[in-house]
Amino acid sequence: MITSEFDSGIYILRALSELGHHVRVWDYRLSPHYPPTREDYDVMIANKGELIPVHLFKPPRVCWYPDVLGRFPEHLGVIRQYDRVFAINKPPE
């Protein structure tokens, strides 16, 4: 489930699919129930992912954070739980 055709998740889904990857999509904003975390997967990629209980997923867990990290200091605790974070800037110390 994707919230809209303009959601950045749709672009990530398309890019990974075009590269030949199998992608399972779960929009945590639309579904209150977490997906099965014991499913066999190579990597968990979260688009923003500030509301996901990161510890429920096996590594590697990657966060693609599309916003400026300093704008949402309340997200930093969760963001730091990911194994890798890709963002447009470094988190404040």
Protein backbone atom coordinates (compact mmCIF):
# COMPACT_ATOMS: atom_id res chain seq x y z
CA MET A 1 0.00 0.00 0.00
CA ILE A 2 1.27 3.45 -0.90
CA THR A 3 -0.51 6.56 0.37
CA SER A 4 -0.47 8.42 -2.94
CA GLU A 5 1.03 8.39 -6.39
CA PHE A 6 3.35 11.20 -5.26
CA ASP A 7 4.66 9.33 -2.22
CA SER A 8 8.46 9.00 -2.44
CA GLY A 9 8.03 5.32 -1.60
CA ILE A 10 6.59 4.75 -5.06
CA TYR A 11 9.82 5.99 -6.62
CA ILE A 12 11.93 3.75 -4.40
CA LEU A 13 9.66 0.79 -5.26
CA ARG A 14 9.93 1.47 -8.99
CA ALA A 15 13.70 1.90 -8.89
CA LEU A 16 14.33 -1.32 -6.96
CA SER A 17 11.86 -3.25 -9.10
CA GLU A 18 13.46 -2.00 -12.33
CA LEU A 19 16.79 -3.26 -11.00
CA GLY A 20 15.24 -6.72 -10.69
CA HIS A 21 14.66 -6.81 -6.93
CA HIS A 22 11.57 -8.32 -5.31
CA VAL A 23 10.05 -5.64 -3.09
CA ARG A 24 7.41 -6.11 -0.42
CA VAL A 25 5.67 -2.84 0.43
CA TRP A 26 4.07 -2.04 3.76
CA ASP A 27 2.87 1.50 4.46
CA TYR A 28 2.95 1.81 8.24
CA ARG A 29 0.81 4.96 8.04
CA LEU A 30 -2.10 3.00 6.56
CA SER A 31 -1.84 -0.31 8.40
CA PRO A 32 -1.73 -0.41 12.19
CA HIS A 33 -0.47 -4.00 12.14
CA TYR A 34 3.19 -4.69 11.61
CA PRO A 35 4.07 -7.13 8.83
CA PRO A 36 5.54 -10.51 9.69
CA THR A 37 9.16 -9.85 10.60
CA ARG A 38 10.35 -13.44 10.34
CA GLU A 39 9.96 -13.38 6.57
CA ASP A 40 13.12 -14.13 4.68
CA TYR A 41 14.52 -10.90 3.25
CA ASP A 42 17.95 -9.58 2.39
CA VAL A 43 17.50 -6.05 3.69
CA MET A 44 14.77 -3.98 5.32
CA ILE A 45 14.58 -0.47 3.83
CA ALA A 46 12.38 2.11 5.53
CA ASN A 47 11.41 5.32 3.78
CA LYS A 48 11.67 7.77 6.70
CA GLY A 49 10.68 5.04 9.20
CA GLU A 50 10.46 7.17 12.32
CA LEU A 51 7.45 5.22 13.63
CA ILE A 52 8.71 1.70 12.95
CA PRO A 53 9.87 -0.45 15.89
CA VAL A 54 13.27 -1.12 14.32
CA HIS A 55 14.19 -3.88 16.80
CA LEU A 56 11.46 -6.14 15.35
CA PHE A 57 13.35 -6.47 12.08
CA LYS A 58 16.52 -8.45 11.52
CA PRO A 59 19.60 -6.64 10.23
CA PRO A 60 20.49 -5.12 7.95
CA ARG A 61 17.98 -2.35 8.55
CA VAL A 62 18.33 0.72 6.37
CA CYS A 63 16.58 4.06 6.77
CA TRP A 64 16.15 6.31 3.74
CA TYR A 65 15.38 9.60 5.51
CA PRO A 66 14.14 12.21 3.00
CA ASP A 67 13.93 15.17 5.41
CA VAL A 68 16.54 17.33 7.06
CA LEU A 69 17.40 15.41 10.24
CA GLY A 70 17.64 18.56 12.36
CA ARG A 71 14.02 19.48 11.64
CA PHE A 72 12.71 16.54 13.66
CA PRO A 73 15.00 15.99 16.68
CA GLU A 74 12.35 13.72 18.21
CA HIS A 75 13.03 11.18 15.42
CA LEU A 76 16.76 10.86 16.10
CA GLY A 77 16.41 8.19 18.79
CA VAL A 78 14.64 5.84 16.39
CA ILE A 79 16.76 6.80 13.37
CA ARG A 80 19.94 5.86 15.26
CA GLN A 81 18.62 2.30 15.75
CA TYR A 82 19.00 1.56 12.02
CA ASP A 83 22.16 -0.13 10.80
CA ARG A 84 22.56 2.43 7.99
CA VAL A 85 20.92 5.80 7.40
CA PHE A 86 20.88 7.69 4.13
CA ALA A 87 19.85 11.33 4.51
CA ILE A 88 20.57 14.68 2.95
CA ASN A 89 22.61 15.75 5.98
CA LYS A 90 24.32 14.31 9.06
CA PRO A 91 22.40 14.04 12.33
CA PRO A 92 23.26 16.63 14.96
CA GLU A 93 25.65 15.36 17.63
